[in-house]
């Protein structure tokens, strides 16, 4: 299953969109293990107007990787049978700085 992280750049809609897409993935993976490939993760800006921002999508992926679940309160969706991988390209500027 492939997810394009650029789809979640609009923070006003990202919460609903992330929840909807992750619920769909969870349903597809309920009976068998799945691999989710997150593409273009490096395209989500970390800074806006010079300030570090937290992205809804990044938080969701972090929660899945850390806890094996997504959600808050009593509504948690299991992702313990999902392998999450990212595919990223590093910018030449980042490589030069490194």
C-alpha atoms as a PDB file:
ATOM      1  CA  UNK A   1       0.000   0.000   0.000  1.00  0.00           C
ATOM      2  CA  UNK A   2       1.418   3.368  -0.957  1.00  0.00           C
ATOM      3  CA  UNK A   3       0.835   6.740   0.713  1.00  0.00           C
ATOM      4  CA  UNK A   4       2.001  10.023  -0.788  1.00  0.00           C
ATOM      5  CA  UNK A   5       2.909  12.333   2.084  1.00  0.00           C
ATOM      6  CA  UNK A   6       2.375  15.408  -0.093  1.00  0.00           C
ATOM      7  CA  UNK A   7      -1.337  14.676   0.121  1.00  0.00           C
ATOM      8  CA  UNK A   8      -1.221  15.813   3.760  1.00  0.00           C
ATOM      9  CA  UNK A   9       0.443  19.223   3.394  1.00  0.00           C
ATOM     10  CA  UNK A  10      -2.799  21.142   4.023  1.00  0.00           C
ATOM     11  CA  UNK A  11      -2.961  21.058   7.823  1.00  0.00           C
ATOM     12  CA  UNK A  12      -6.588  22.243   7.863  1.00  0.00           C
ATOM     13  CA  UNK A  13      -7.690  19.019   6.157  1.00  0.00           C
ATOM     14  CA  UNK A  14      -4.837  16.743   7.201  1.00  0.00           C
ATOM     15  CA  UNK A  15      -6.405  15.482  10.434  1.00  0.00           C
ATOM     16  CA  UNK A  16      -9.513  14.152   8.754  1.00  0.00           C
ATOM     17  CA  UNK A  17      -7.638  12.880   5.696  1.00  0.00           C
ATOM     18  CA  UNK A  18      -4.977  11.064   7.736  1.00  0.00           C
ATOM     19  CA  UNK A  19      -7.593   9.422   9.957  1.00  0.00           C
ATOM     20  CA  UNK A  20      -9.673   8.339   6.972  1.00  0.00           C
ATOM     21  CA  UNK A  21      -6.729   6.926   5.026  1.00  0.00           C
ATOM     22  CA  UNK A  22      -5.239   5.116   8.011  1.00  0.00           C
ATOM     23  CA  UNK A  23      -8.611   3.590   8.877  1.00  0.00           C
ATOM     24  CA  UNK A  24      -8.896   2.307   5.290  1.00  0.00           C
ATOM     25  CA  UNK A  25      -5.409   0.807   5.494  1.00  0.00           C
ATOM     26  CA  UNK A  26      -6.201  -0.810   8.829  1.00  0.00           C
ATOM     27  CA  UNK A  27      -9.289  -2.451   7.350  1.00  0.00           C
ATOM     28  CA  UNK A  28      -7.293  -3.752   4.372  1.00  0.00           C
ATOM     29  CA  UNK A  29      -4.643  -5.172   6.698  1.00  0.00           C
ATOM     30  CA  UNK A  30      -6.972  -6.641   9.317  1.00  0.00           C
ATOM     31  CA  UNK A  31      -6.581 -10.254   8.177  1.00  0.00           C
ATOM     32  CA  UNK A  32      -2.992 -10.286   6.924  1.00  0.00           C
ATOM     33  CA  UNK A  33       0.265  -8.390   7.397  1.00  0.00           C
ATOM     34  CA  UNK A  34       0.807  -5.411   5.088  1.00  0.00           C
ATOM     35  CA  UNK A  35       3.590  -3.124   3.999  1.00  0.00           C
ATOM     36  CA  UNK A  36       2.846   0.590   3.788  1.00  0.00           C
ATOM     37  CA  UNK A  37       5.265   2.655   1.737  1.00  0.00           C
ATOM     38  CA  UNK A  38       5.281   6.352   2.594  1.00  0.00           C
ATOM     39  CA  UNK A  39       6.577   8.321  -0.346  1.00  0.00           C
ATOM     40  CA  UNK A  40       7.652  11.978  -0.482  1.00  0.00           C
ATOM     41  CA  UNK A  41       7.900  12.317   3.300  1.00  0.00           C
ATOM     42  CA  UNK A  42      10.777  14.707   2.760  1.00  0.00           C
ATOM     43  CA  UNK A  43       8.397  17.081   0.964  1.00  0.00           C
ATOM     44  CA  UNK A  44       6.478  17.939   4.151  1.00  0.00           C
ATOM     45  CA  UNK A  45       7.998  21.211   5.329  1.00  0.00           C
ATOM     46  CA  UNK A  46       9.367  21.184   8.864  1.00  0.00           C
ATOM     47  CA  UNK A  47       9.481  24.952   9.117  1.00  0.00           C
ATOM     48  CA  UNK A  48       6.908  27.634   8.359  1.00  0.00           C
ATOM     49  CA  UNK A  49       7.790  31.289   8.667  1.00  0.00           C
ATOM     50  CA  UNK A  50      11.040  30.306  10.355  1.00  0.00           C
ATOM     51  CA  UNK A  51       9.319  28.265  13.073  1.00  0.00           C
ATOM     52  CA  UNK A  52       9.398  24.506  13.575  1.00  0.00           C
ATOM     53  CA  UNK A  53       5.926  23.020  13.044  1.00  0.00           C
ATOM     54  CA  UNK A  54       4.450  19.655  13.939  1.00  0.00           C
ATOM     55  CA  UNK A  55       2.691  17.935  11.050  1.00  0.00           C
ATOM     56  CA  UNK A  56      -0.380  15.776  11.625  1.00  0.00           C
ATOM     57  CA  UNK A  57       0.856  13.104   9.233  1.00  0.00           C
ATOM     58  CA  UNK A  58       4.309  12.912  10.834  1.00  0.00           C
ATOM     59  CA  UNK A  59       2.682  12.566  14.264  1.00  0.00           C
ATOM     60  CA  UNK A  60       0.461   9.745  13.003  1.00  0.00           C
ATOM     61  CA  UNK A  61       3.375   7.838  11.477  1.00  0.00           C
ATOM     62  CA  UNK A  62       5.410   8.359  14.651  1.00  0.00           C
ATOM     63  CA  UNK A  63       2.572   6.977  16.781  1.00  0.00           C
ATOM     64  CA  UNK A  64       2.252   3.914  14.547  1.00  0.00           C
ATOM     65  CA  UNK A  65       6.001   3.264  14.628  1.00  0.00           C
ATOM     66  CA  UNK A  66       6.231   3.798  18.387  1.00  0.00           C
ATOM     67  CA  UNK A  67       3.040   2.174  19.692  1.00  0.00           C
ATOM     68  CA  UNK A  68       1.691   0.061  16.831  1.00  0.00           C
ATOM     69  CA  UNK A  69      -1.598   1.972  16.991  1.00  0.00           C
ATOM     70  CA  UNK A  70      -3.086   5.183  15.654  1.00  0.00           C
ATOM     71  CA  UNK A  71      -5.645   7.321  17.424  1.00  0.00           C
ATOM     72  CA  UNK A  72      -6.340   8.946  20.724  1.00  0.00           C
ATOM     73  CA  UNK A  73      -8.612   8.353  23.663  1.00  0.00           C
ATOM     74  CA  UNK A  74     -10.700   5.226  23.322  1.00  0.00           C
ATOM     75  CA  UNK A  75     -10.584   5.044  19.526  1.00  0.00           C
ATOM     76  CA  UNK A  76      -7.303   3.395  18.608  1.00  0.00           C
ATOM     77  CA  UNK A  77      -6.666   1.561  15.369  1.00  0.00           C
ATOM     78  CA  UNK A  78      -4.236  -1.357  15.457  1.00  0.00           C
ATOM     79  CA  UNK A  79      -1.206  -1.303  13.174  1.00  0.00           C
ATOM     80  CA  UNK A  80       0.850  -4.011  14.854  1.00  0.00           C
ATOM     81  CA  UNK A  81       0.730  -6.136  11.681  1.00  0.00           C
ATOM     82  CA  UNK A  82       1.805  -3.283   9.376  1.00  0.00           C
ATOM     83  CA  UNK A  83       5.382  -2.620   8.318  1.00  0.00           C
ATOM     84  CA  UNK A  84       5.826   1.088   7.585  1.00  0.00           C
ATOM     85  CA  UNK A  85       8.657   2.100   5.283  1.00  0.00           C
ATOM     86  CA  UNK A  86       9.613   5.472   3.876  1.00  0.00           C
ATOM     87  CA  UNK A  87      11.138   6.269   0.522  1.00  0.00           C
ATOM     88  CA  UNK A  88      12.958   9.579   0.463  1.00  0.00           C
ATOM     89  CA  UNK A  89      15.434  11.445  -1.618  1.00  0.00           C
ATOM     90  CA  UNK A  90      17.843  13.721   0.142  1.00  0.00           C
ATOM     91  CA  UNK A  91      18.382  17.131  -1.368  1.00  0.00           C
ATOM     92  CA  UNK A  92      21.887  17.890  -2.607  1.00  0.00           C
ATOM     93  CA  UNK A  93      22.004  20.851  -0.182  1.00  0.00           C
ATOM     94  CA  UNK A  94      21.342  18.552   2.784  1.00  0.00           C
ATOM     95  CA  UNK A  95      24.027  16.148   1.644  1.00  0.00           C
ATOM     96  CA  UNK A  96      26.521  18.990   1.250  1.00  0.00           C
ATOM     97  CA  UNK A  97      25.764  20.306   4.755  1.00  0.00           C
ATOM     98  CA  UNK A  98      26.164  16.828   6.201  1.00  0.00           C
END
